[in-house]
Amino acid sequence: MPIDAAKALAAEPRTGEISWDTKDVQLYHLGIGAGRPATDPDELRYTLESRLHVLPSFATVAGAGSPGVISGLSMPGVDVDLARVLHGGQSLRIHRPLPAEGRATATGRIAAVYDKGKAAVLVMRTEVADGDGPLWTNDAQIYVRGEGGWGGDRGPSARLDPPAGAPDRVVERHVREDQALLYRLSGDLNPLHADPEFAERAGFDRPILHGLCTYGMTLKAVVDTLLGGDVARVRSYATRFAGVVFPGETLRIRMWHSPESTRVAVSAADRGDTPVLADTIVEHT
């Protein structure tokens, strides 16, 4: 069996040093659609180094990579075909605001392995801290098609009850044709997002957008629309990737707001509101 759950869970954590600077933050922000309009003061806080604020979802690429997915596939006990892999979900807890420049220690391990029958789900946990203490904790749920069925723990359900009533706000965000090509420069070079032949092998008629790009675009929409642009108000952010997005499409983002959290649902407006992100919640002050 390509996934040995016991071996994966028993593996020693991997620890390494990561660093980032303002250019990394700016590139990430551009990769999730910031800077439109380019001279808008609300956008300049994402693109201009003299007034730079760091969107918390930058944590998913800090250190130039997609550690939760790529590192998880190289852990002991895991040997799978990348074409069978999908990013099933992501959760992020922010312990304090992210600095625009930093150096930290990242510790990654497989925190759970679940048997979903026709697939396996790996939970890759990355904990990041600097000299002043914890910065963030990332959990990536890695969905591997065709690797379940060994009789293991199915794990908890990620499904939430639907939000009640009509959304408080609905916004739309257009995905540029070259959005995936720009976003991948932050470190996630999976050919699924750039190579048409690889995408076809994985079952798609063309390259798809990174799920974490949609994740970042959605958090930015919530922060800008409901939190006054204050990135420091975000405490945690979790989602389940319910469908794919193709570059060139438009995201429709519905928000149900309360004082301490915002429920979100994201769909592809061009494809009859096909769900893209589900069971999504941003906790905030």
C-alpha atoms as a PDB file:
ATOM      1  CA  MET A   1       0.000   0.000   0.000  1.00  0.00           C
ATOM      2  CA  PRO A   2       1.532   3.352  -1.011  1.00  0.00           C
ATOM      3  CA  ILE A   3       0.376   4.957   2.266  1.00  0.00           C
ATOM      4  CA  ASP A   4       1.555   3.288   5.474  1.00  0.00           C
ATOM      5  CA  ALA A   5      -0.499   5.134   8.085  1.00  0.00           C
ATOM      6  CA  ALA A   6       1.411   3.835  11.106  1.00  0.00           C
ATOM      7  CA  LYS A   7       4.762   4.730   9.590  1.00  0.00           C
ATOM      8  CA  ALA A   8       3.575   8.186   8.541  1.00  0.00           C
ATOM      9  CA  LEU A   9       2.208   8.994  11.992  1.00  0.00           C
ATOM     10  CA  ALA A  10       5.333   7.700  13.750  1.00  0.00           C
ATOM     11  CA  ALA A  11       7.768   9.641  11.575  1.00  0.00           C
ATOM     12  CA  GLU A  12       9.952  12.237  13.247  1.00  0.00           C
ATOM     13  CA  PRO A  13       8.825  15.828  12.624  1.00  0.00           C
ATOM     14  CA  ARG A  14      10.801  17.747  10.037  1.00  0.00           C
ATOM     15  CA  THR A  15      12.196  21.051  11.182  1.00  0.00           C
ATOM     16  CA  GLY A  16      13.731  23.727   9.006  1.00  0.00           C
ATOM     17  CA  GLU A  17      14.402  27.426   8.867  1.00  0.00           C
ATOM     18  CA  ILE A  18      12.254  29.634   6.657  1.00  0.00           C
ATOM     19  CA  SER A  19      12.531  33.313   5.838  1.00  0.00           C
ATOM     20  CA  TRP A  20      10.655  35.890   3.835  1.00  0.00           C
ATOM     21  CA  ASP A  21      10.862  39.561   2.973  1.00  0.00           C
ATOM     22  CA  THR A  22       8.629  42.308   1.633  1.00  0.00           C
ATOM     23  CA  LYS A  23       9.085  41.167  -1.976  1.00  0.00           C
ATOM     24  CA  ASP A  24       7.751  37.708  -1.089  1.00  0.00           C
ATOM     25  CA  VAL A  25       4.718  39.271   0.577  1.00  0.00           C
ATOM     26  CA  GLN A  26       4.090  41.623  -2.350  1.00  0.00           C
ATOM     27  CA  LEU A  27       4.392  38.783  -4.878  1.00  0.00           C
ATOM     28  CA  TYR A  28       1.921  36.690  -2.895  1.00  0.00           C
ATOM     29  CA  HIS A  29      -0.545  39.559  -2.714  1.00  0.00           C
ATOM     30  CA  LEU A  30      -0.280  40.115  -6.474  1.00  0.00           C
ATOM     31  CA  GLY A  31      -0.758  36.368  -6.967  1.00  0.00           C
ATOM     32  CA  ILE A  32      -4.140  36.517  -5.218  1.00  0.00           C
ATOM     33  CA  GLY A  33      -5.306  39.524  -7.213  1.00  0.00           C
ATOM     34  CA  ALA A  34      -4.230  42.513  -5.115  1.00  0.00           C
ATOM     35  CA  GLY A  35      -3.325  45.774  -6.809  1.00  0.00           C
ATOM     36  CA  ARG A  36      -6.482  46.356  -8.816  1.00  0.00           C
ATOM     37  CA  PRO A  37      -6.864  49.336  -9.193  1.00  0.00           C
ATOM     38  CA  ALA A  38      -3.120  49.818  -8.827  1.00  0.00           C
ATOM     39  CA  THR A  39      -3.343  53.284  -7.206  1.00  0.00           C
ATOM     40  CA  ASP A  40      -6.247  52.529  -4.861  1.00  0.00           C
ATOM     41  CA  PRO A  41      -5.073  53.347  -1.288  1.00  0.00           C
ATOM     42  CA  ASP A  42      -6.805  50.202  -0.032  1.00  0.00           C
ATOM     43  CA  GLU A  43      -4.772  48.125  -2.479  1.00  0.00           C
ATOM     44  CA  LEU A  44      -1.475  49.893  -1.818  1.00  0.00           C
ATOM     45  CA  ARG A  45      -1.390  48.409   1.683  1.00  0.00           C
ATOM     46  CA  TYR A  46      -0.909  45.060  -0.063  1.00  0.00           C
ATOM     47  CA  THR A  47       1.542  46.179  -2.737  1.00  0.00           C
ATOM     48  CA  LEU A  48       3.635  49.121  -1.508  1.00  0.00           C
ATOM     49  CA  GLU A  49       6.481  48.286   0.872  1.00  0.00           C
ATOM     50  CA  SER A  50       6.221  51.566   2.797  1.00  0.00           C
ATOM     51  CA  ARG A  51       2.687  50.709   4.001  1.00  0.00           C
ATOM     52  CA  LEU A  52       2.684  46.926   3.700  1.00  0.00           C
ATOM     53  CA  HIS A  53       0.227  44.832   5.719  1.00  0.00           C
ATOM     54  CA  VAL A  54       0.500  41.030   5.548  1.00  0.00           C
ATOM     55  CA  LEU A  55      -2.653  39.071   4.779  1.00  0.00           C
ATOM     56  CA  PRO A  56      -2.618  36.082   7.186  1.00  0.00           C
ATOM     57  CA  SER A  57      -3.028  33.545   4.380  1.00  0.00           C
ATOM     58  CA  PHE A  58       0.529  34.456   3.321  1.00  0.00           C
ATOM     59  CA  ALA A  59       1.446  31.872   5.969  1.00  0.00           C
ATOM     60  CA  THR A  60       0.540  29.128   3.465  1.00  0.00           C
ATOM     61  CA  VAL A  61       3.478  30.087   1.214  1.00  0.00           C
ATOM     62  CA  ALA A  62       5.951  31.779   3.580  1.00  0.00           C
ATOM     63  CA  GLY A  63       9.369  30.301   2.940  1.00  0.00           C
ATOM     64  CA  ALA A  64       8.646  29.913  -0.794  1.00  0.00           C
ATOM     65  CA  GLY A  65       6.615  26.787  -1.063  1.00  0.00           C
ATOM     66  CA  SER A  66       3.443  24.853  -0.334  1.00  0.00           C
ATOM     67  CA  PRO A  67       4.803  22.913   2.643  1.00  0.00           C
ATOM     68  CA  GLY A  68       1.547  21.374   3.765  1.00  0.00           C
ATOM     69  CA  VAL A  69       1.009  19.572   0.463  1.00  0.00           C
ATOM     70  CA  ILE A  70       4.413  19.002  -1.086  1.00  0.00           C
ATOM     71  CA  SER A  71       6.213  18.172   2.181  1.00  0.00           C
ATOM     72  CA  GLY A  72       3.395  15.876   3.201  1.00  0.00           C
ATOM     73  CA  LEU A  73       3.876  13.785   0.071  1.00  0.00           C
ATOM     74  CA  SER A  74       7.565  13.257   0.851  1.00  0.00           C
ATOM     75  CA  MET A  75       7.102  12.061   4.434  1.00  0.00           C
ATOM     76  CA  PRO A  76       7.998   8.466   5.437  1.00  0.00           C
ATOM     77  CA  GLY A  77       5.132   6.085   4.733  1.00  0.00           C
ATOM     78  CA  VAL A  78       3.763   8.182   1.859  1.00  0.00           C
ATOM     79  CA  ASP A  79       4.473   7.260  -1.771  1.00  0.00           C
ATOM     80  CA  VAL A  80       1.740   8.425  -4.121  1.00  0.00           C
ATOM     81  CA  ASP A  81       1.260   9.692  -7.663  1.00  0.00           C
ATOM     82  CA  LEU A  82       0.999  13.497  -7.688  1.00  0.00           C
ATOM     83  CA  ALA A  83      -1.702  13.264 -10.358  1.00  0.00           C
ATOM     84  CA  ARG A  84      -3.962  11.519  -7.802  1.00  0.00           C
ATOM     85  CA  VAL A  85      -3.532  14.260  -5.220  1.00  0.00           C
ATOM     86  CA  LEU A  86      -5.967  17.077  -4.466  1.00  0.00           C
ATOM     87  CA  HIS A  87      -5.816  19.659  -1.730  1.00  0.00           C
ATOM     88  CA  GLY A  88      -8.927  18.779   0.264  1.00  0.00           C
ATOM     89  CA  GLY A  89      -8.968  21.562   2.833  1.00  0.00           C
ATOM     90  CA  GLN A  90      -6.938  24.080   4.775  1.00  0.00           C
ATOM     91  CA  SER A  91      -7.057  25.545   8.245  1.00  0.00           C
ATOM     92  CA  LEU A  92      -4.873  28.287   9.644  1.00  0.00           C
ATOM     93  CA  ARG A  93      -4.578  29.688  13.158  1.00  0.00           C
ATOM     94  CA  ILE A  94      -2.740  32.970  13.600  1.00  0.00           C
ATOM     95  CA  HIS A  95      -1.049  33.418  16.985  1.00  0.00           C
ATOM     96  CA  ARG A  96       0.018  37.016  16.290  1.00  0.00           C
ATOM     97  CA  PRO A  97       0.181  39.325  13.240  1.00  0.00           C
ATOM     98  CA  LEU A  98       2.656  38.260  10.572  1.00  0.00           C
ATOM     99  CA  PRO A  99       5.644  40.571  10.061  1.00  0.00           C
ATOM    100  CA  ALA A 100       6.457  41.788   6.553  1.00  0.00           C
ATOM    101  CA  GLU A 101       9.968  40.365   6.948  1.00  0.00           C
ATOM    102  CA  GLY A 102      10.908  37.439   9.110  1.00  0.00           C
ATOM    103  CA  ARG A 103      12.936  34.354   9.879  1.00  0.00           C
ATOM    104  CA  ALA A 104      11.358  31.433  11.707  1.00  0.00           C
ATOM    105  CA  THR A 105      11.491  27.711  12.412  1.00  0.00           C
ATOM    106  CA  ALA A 106       8.881  25.516  10.721  1.00  0.00           C
ATOM    107  CA  THR A 107       8.112  22.066  12.127  1.00  0.00           C
ATOM    108  CA  GLY A 108       6.032  19.744   9.964  1.00  0.00           C
ATOM    109  CA  ARG A 109       4.520  16.331  10.640  1.00  0.00           C
ATOM    110  CA  ILE A 110       1.650  14.103   9.589  1.00  0.00           C
ATOM    111  CA  ALA A 111      -0.914  14.743  12.324  1.00  0.00           C
ATOM    112  CA  ALA A 112      -3.559  12.299  11.073  1.00  0.00           C
ATOM    113  CA  VAL A 113      -4.277   9.747   8.334  1.00  0.00           C
ATOM    114  CA  TYR A 114      -7.908   8.998   7.520  1.00  0.00           C
ATOM    115  CA  ASP A 115      -9.416   6.204   5.422  1.00  0.00           C
ATOM    116  CA  LYS A 116     -12.324   7.558   3.375  1.00  0.00           C
ATOM    117  CA  GLY A 117     -12.866   4.310   1.472  1.00  0.00           C
ATOM    118  CA  LYS A 118     -12.063   5.400  -2.063  1.00  0.00           C
ATOM    119  CA  ALA A 119      -9.425   7.835  -0.913  1.00  0.00           C
ATOM    120  CA  ALA A 120      -7.027   8.622   1.898  1.00  0.00           C
ATOM    121  CA  VAL A 121      -6.751  11.967   3.667  1.00  0.00           C
ATOM    122  CA  LEU A 122      -3.462  13.088   5.181  1.00  0.00           C
ATOM    123  CA  VAL A 123      -3.425  15.993   7.632  1.00  0.00           C
ATOM    124  CA  MET A 124      -0.067  17.745   7.374  1.00  0.00           C
ATOM    125  CA  ARG A 125       0.499  20.101  10.305  1.00  0.00           C
ATOM    126  CA  THR A 126       3.095  22.867  10.120  1.00  0.00           C
ATOM    127  CA  GLU A 127       3.861  24.904  13.242  1.00  0.00           C
ATOM    128  CA  VAL A 128       5.920  28.049  12.817  1.00  0.00           C
ATOM    129  CA  ALA A 129       7.644  30.093  15.517  1.00  0.00           C
ATOM    130  CA  ASP A 130      10.315  32.767  15.703  1.00  0.00           C
ATOM    131  CA  GLY A 131      12.392  34.138  18.572  1.00  0.00           C
ATOM    132  CA  ASP A 132       9.320  35.774  20.089  1.00  0.00           C
ATOM    133  CA  GLY A 133       7.208  32.590  20.114  1.00  0.00           C
ATOM    134  CA  PRO A 134       4.545  30.908  17.953  1.00  0.00           C
ATOM    135  CA  LEU A 135       3.457  32.690  14.774  1.00  0.00           C
ATOM    136  CA  TRP A 136       0.985  30.337  13.101  1.00  0.00           C
ATOM    137  CA  THR A 137      -0.243  26.754  12.777  1.00  0.00           C
ATOM    138  CA  ASN A 138      -1.233  25.396   9.372  1.00  0.00           C
ATOM    139  CA  ASP A 139      -3.187  22.179   8.738  1.00  0.00           C
ATOM    140  CA  ALA A 140      -3.396  20.989   5.138  1.00  0.00           C
ATOM    141  CA  GLN A 141      -5.825  18.182   4.330  1.00  0.00           C
ATOM    142  CA  ILE A 142      -4.332  16.201   1.445  1.00  0.00           C
ATOM    143  CA  TYR A 143      -6.837  14.065  -0.481  1.00  0.00           C
ATOM    144  CA  VAL A 144      -5.298  11.099  -2.332  1.00  0.00           C
ATOM    145  CA  ARG A 145      -7.661   9.359  -4.722  1.00  0.00           C
ATOM    146  CA  GLY A 146      -7.601   5.566  -4.839  1.00  0.00           C
ATOM    147  CA  GLU A 147      -5.540   5.113  -1.677  1.00  0.00           C
ATOM    148  CA  GLY A 148      -8.234   4.295   0.913  1.00  0.00           C
ATOM    149  CA  GLY A 149      -9.906   1.067   1.875  1.00  0.00           C
ATOM    150  CA  TRP A 150      -7.555  -0.397   4.479  1.00  0.00           C
ATOM    151  CA  GLY A 151     -10.087  -0.201   7.295  1.00  0.00           C
ATOM    152  CA  GLY A 152      -8.611   2.770   9.105  1.00  0.00           C
ATOM    153  CA  ASP A 153     -10.252   5.632  11.011  1.00  0.00           C
ATOM    154  CA  ARG A 154     -12.560   7.654   8.757  1.00  0.00           C
ATOM    155  CA  GLY A 155     -11.899  10.789  10.792  1.00  0.00           C
ATOM    156  CA  PRO A 156     -14.252  13.629  11.713  1.00  0.00           C
ATOM    157  CA  SER A 157     -16.683  15.176   9.284  1.00  0.00           C
ATOM    158  CA  ALA A 158     -15.642  18.601   8.035  1.00  0.00           C
ATOM    159  CA  ARG A 159     -19.202  19.524   7.068  1.00  0.00           C
ATOM    160  CA  LEU A 160     -20.883  22.433   8.845  1.00  0.00           C
ATOM    161  CA  ASP A 161     -24.573  23.228   9.011  1.00  0.00           C
ATOM    162  CA  PRO A 162     -25.493  25.703   6.237  1.00  0.00           C
ATOM    163  CA  PRO A 163     -25.591  29.376   7.257  1.00  0.00           C
ATOM    164  CA  ALA A 164     -29.049  30.644   8.159  1.00  0.00           C
ATOM    165  CA  GLY A 165     -30.792  33.261   6.046  1.00  0.00           C
ATOM    166  CA  ALA A 166     -29.559  35.408   3.206  1.00  0.00           C
ATOM    167  CA  PRO A 167     -25.905  36.473   3.172  1.00  0.00           C
ATOM    168  CA  ASP A 168     -25.004  39.871   4.599  1.00  0.00           C
ATOM    169  CA  ARG A 169     -22.693  40.659   1.696  1.00  0.00           C
ATOM    170  CA  VAL A 170     -22.042  39.230  -1.760  1.00  0.00           C
ATOM    171  CA  VAL A 171     -19.005  40.276  -3.795  1.00  0.00           C
ATOM    172  CA  GLU A 172     -17.443  39.026  -7.005  1.00  0.00           C
ATOM    173  CA  ARG A 173     -13.759  38.717  -7.800  1.00  0.00           C
ATOM    174  CA  HIS A 174     -12.452  38.040 -11.303  1.00  0.00           C
ATOM    175  CA  VAL A 175      -9.618  35.532 -11.702  1.00  0.00           C
ATOM    176  CA  ARG A 176      -7.105  36.660 -14.306  1.00  0.00           C
ATOM    177  CA  GLU A 177      -6.166  34.305 -17.145  1.00  0.00           C
ATOM    178  CA  ASP A 178      -2.573  34.330 -15.891  1.00  0.00           C
ATOM    179  CA  GLN A 179      -3.459  34.163 -12.166  1.00  0.00           C
ATOM    180  CA  ALA A 180      -2.165  30.606 -11.654  1.00  0.00           C
ATOM    181  CA  LEU A 181       1.078  31.399 -13.481  1.00  0.00           C
ATOM    182  CA  LEU A 182       1.648  34.380 -11.205  1.00  0.00           C
ATOM    183  CA  TYR A 183       0.581  32.628  -8.004  1.00  0.00           C
ATOM    184  CA  ARG A 184       2.874  29.631  -8.588  1.00  0.00           C
ATOM    185  CA  LEU A 185       5.897  31.965  -8.362  1.00  0.00           C
ATOM    186  CA  SER A 186       5.271  32.019  -4.604  1.00  0.00           C
ATOM    187  CA  GLY A 187       6.519  28.422  -4.542  1.00  0.00           C
ATOM    188  CA  ASP A 188       3.811  25.898  -5.461  1.00  0.00           C
ATOM    189  CA  LEU A 189       5.087  24.646  -8.808  1.00  0.00           C
ATOM    190  CA  ASN A 190       2.672  21.712  -9.178  1.00  0.00           C
ATOM    191  CA  PRO A 191       2.327  21.341 -12.989  1.00  0.00           C
ATOM    192  CA  LEU A 192      -1.425  20.825 -12.554  1.00  0.00           C
ATOM    193  CA  HIS A 193      -1.700  24.622 -12.517  1.00  0.00           C
ATOM    194  CA  ALA A 194       0.366  25.349 -15.633  1.00  0.00           C
ATOM    195  CA  ASP A 195       0.888  22.310 -17.879  1.00  0.00           C
ATOM    196  CA  PRO A 196      -2.131  21.374 -20.069  1.00  0.00           C
ATOM    197  CA  GLU A 197      -0.832  17.827 -20.632  1.00  0.00           C
ATOM    198  CA  PHE A 198      -0.396  17.196 -16.919  1.00  0.00           C
ATOM    199  CA  ALA A 199      -3.832  18.678 -16.208  1.00  0.00           C
ATOM    200  CA  GLU A 200      -5.390  16.315 -18.772  1.00  0.00           C
ATOM    201  CA  ARG A 201      -3.647  13.365 -17.126  1.00  0.00           C
ATOM    202  CA  ALA A 202      -5.191  14.466 -13.820  1.00  0.00           C
ATOM    203  CA  GLY A 203      -8.670  14.563 -15.387  1.00  0.00           C
ATOM    204  CA  PHE A 204      -9.057  18.260 -16.231  1.00  0.00           C
ATOM    205  CA  ASP A 205      -9.424  19.750 -19.698  1.00  0.00           C
ATOM    206  CA  ARG A 206      -7.043  22.589 -18.810  1.00  0.00           C
ATOM    207  CA  PRO A 207      -4.896  23.754 -15.865  1.00  0.00           C
ATOM    208  CA  ILE A 208      -6.788  24.745 -12.749  1.00  0.00           C
ATOM    209  CA  LEU A 209      -6.192  27.505 -10.208  1.00  0.00           C
ATOM    210  CA  HIS A 210      -4.430  26.606  -6.968  1.00  0.00           C
ATOM    211  CA  GLY A 211      -6.933  26.021  -4.199  1.00  0.00           C
ATOM    212  CA  LEU A 212      -4.766  28.161  -1.941  1.00  0.00           C
ATOM    213  CA  CYS A 213      -5.019  31.019  -4.423  1.00  0.00           C
ATOM    214  CA  THR A 214      -8.810  30.917  -4.129  1.00  0.00           C
ATOM    215  CA  TYR A 215      -8.300  30.640  -0.353  1.00  0.00           C
ATOM    216  CA  GLY A 216      -6.224  33.830  -0.311  1.00  0.00           C
ATOM    217  CA  MET A 217      -8.552  35.727  -2.644  1.00  0.00           C
ATOM    218  CA  THR A 218     -11.485  34.861  -0.397  1.00  0.00           C
ATOM    219  CA  LEU A 219      -9.796  35.961   2.827  1.00  0.00           C
ATOM    220  CA  LYS A 220      -8.790  39.252   1.202  1.00  0.00           C
ATOM    221  CA  ALA A 221     -12.413  39.819   0.183  1.00  0.00           C
ATOM    222  CA  VAL A 222     -13.603  39.217   3.762  1.00  0.00           C
ATOM    223  CA  VAL A 223     -10.923  41.476   5.267  1.00  0.00           C
ATOM    224  CA  ASP A 224     -11.554  44.273   2.775  1.00  0.00           C
ATOM    225  CA  THR A 225     -15.347  44.051   2.866  1.00  0.00           C
ATOM    226  CA  LEU A 226     -16.147  43.349   6.526  1.00  0.00           C
ATOM    227  CA  LEU A 227     -13.032  43.940   8.646  1.00  0.00           C
ATOM    228  CA  GLY A 228     -12.099  47.419   7.480  1.00  0.00           C
ATOM    229  CA  GLY A 229      -8.962  46.138   5.767  1.00  0.00           C
ATOM    230  CA  ASP A 230      -7.432  45.285   9.161  1.00  0.00           C
ATOM    231  CA  VAL A 231      -5.485  42.047   8.639  1.00  0.00           C
ATOM    232  CA  ALA A 232      -4.624  41.883  12.363  1.00  0.00           C
ATOM    233  CA  ARG A 233      -8.262  41.116  13.236  1.00  0.00           C
ATOM    234  CA  VAL A 234      -8.078  37.603  11.711  1.00  0.00           C
ATOM    235  CA  ARG A 235      -7.631  34.828  14.280  1.00  0.00           C
ATOM    236  CA  SER A 236      -8.258  31.690  12.229  1.00  0.00           C
ATOM    237  CA  TYR A 237      -9.457  30.664   8.788  1.00  0.00           C
ATOM    238  CA  ALA A 238     -10.621  27.238   7.635  1.00  0.00           C
ATOM    239  CA  THR A 239     -12.168  25.889   4.456  1.00  0.00           C
ATOM    240  CA  ARG A 240     -12.978  22.754   2.509  1.00  0.00           C
ATOM    241  CA  PHE A 241     -12.102  22.781  -1.192  1.00  0.00           C
ATOM    242  CA  ALA A 242     -15.379  21.749  -2.803  1.00  0.00           C
ATOM    243  CA  GLY A 243     -14.571  22.293  -6.470  1.00  0.00           C
ATOM    244  CA  VAL A 244     -12.086  23.677  -8.941  1.00  0.00           C
ATOM    245  CA  VAL A 245     -11.620  27.147 -10.369  1.00  0.00           C
ATOM    246  CA  PHE A 246     -10.292  27.801 -13.855  1.00  0.00           C
ATOM    247  CA  PRO A 247      -8.281  30.933 -14.605  1.00  0.00           C
ATOM    248  CA  GLY A 248     -10.478  33.535 -16.284  1.00  0.00           C
ATOM    249  CA  GLU A 249     -13.555  32.725 -14.200  1.00  0.00           C
ATOM    250  CA  THR A 250     -15.301  34.905 -11.623  1.00  0.00           C
ATOM    251  CA  LEU A 251     -15.635  33.979  -7.948  1.00  0.00           C
ATOM    252  CA  ARG A 252     -18.915  34.787  -6.225  1.00  0.00           C
ATOM    253  CA  ILE A 253     -18.246  35.196  -2.492  1.00  0.00           C
ATOM    254  CA  ARG A 254     -21.186  35.133  -0.056  1.00  0.00           C
ATOM    255  CA  MET A 255     -20.622  36.222   3.558  1.00  0.00           C
ATOM    256  CA  TRP A 256     -22.691  35.775   6.720  1.00  0.00           C
ATOM    257  CA  HIS A 257     -21.199  38.111   9.316  1.00  0.00           C
ATOM    258  CA  SER A 258     -21.276  38.092  13.115  1.00  0.00           C
ATOM    259  CA  PRO A 259     -19.118  39.981  15.641  1.00  0.00           C
ATOM    260  CA  GLU A 260     -16.658  37.108  16.163  1.00  0.00           C
ATOM    261  CA  SER A 261     -16.799  35.140  12.929  1.00  0.00           C
ATOM    262  CA  THR A 262     -17.845  35.209   9.294  1.00  0.00           C
ATOM    263  CA  ARG A 263     -19.218  32.218   7.413  1.00  0.00           C
ATOM    264  CA  VAL A 264     -18.340  32.188   3.726  1.00  0.00           C
ATOM    265  CA  ALA A 265     -19.421  30.265   0.632  1.00  0.00           C
ATOM    266  CA  VAL A 266     -17.612  30.652  -2.674  1.00  0.00           C
ATOM    267  CA  SER A 267     -18.842  29.560  -6.078  1.00  0.00           C
ATOM    268  CA  ALA A 268     -17.873  29.827  -9.731  1.00  0.00           C
ATOM    269  CA  ALA A 269     -20.290  32.435 -11.058  1.00  0.00           C
ATOM    270  CA  ASP A 270     -19.616  31.445 -14.679  1.00  0.00           C
ATOM    271  CA  ARG A 271     -20.629  27.814 -14.103  1.00  0.00           C
ATOM    272  CA  GLY A 272     -24.035  28.184 -12.474  1.00  0.00           C
ATOM    273  CA  ASP A 273     -22.670  28.928  -9.005  1.00  0.00           C
ATOM    274  CA  THR A 274     -20.835  25.606  -8.797  1.00  0.00           C
ATOM    275  CA  PRO A 275     -19.401  25.385  -5.241  1.00  0.00           C
ATOM    276  CA  VAL A 276     -15.691  26.108  -4.910  1.00  0.00           C
ATOM    277  CA  LEU A 277     -15.089  26.675  -1.185  1.00  0.00           C
ATOM    278  CA  ALA A 278     -17.480  25.227   1.390  1.00  0.00           C
ATOM    279  CA  ASP A 279     -17.671  24.938   5.186  1.00  0.00           C
ATOM    280  CA  THR A 280     -15.606  28.122   5.337  1.00  0.00           C
ATOM    281  CA  ILE A 281     -15.271  30.227   8.463  1.00  0.00           C
ATOM    282  CA  VAL A 282     -13.094  33.194   9.392  1.00  0.00           C
ATOM    283  CA  GLU A 283     -12.773  33.865  13.124  1.00  0.00           C
ATOM    284  CA  HIS A 284     -11.894  37.456  13.986  1.00  0.00           C
ATOM    285  CA  THR A 285     -12.104  40.207  16.534  1.00  0.00           C
END
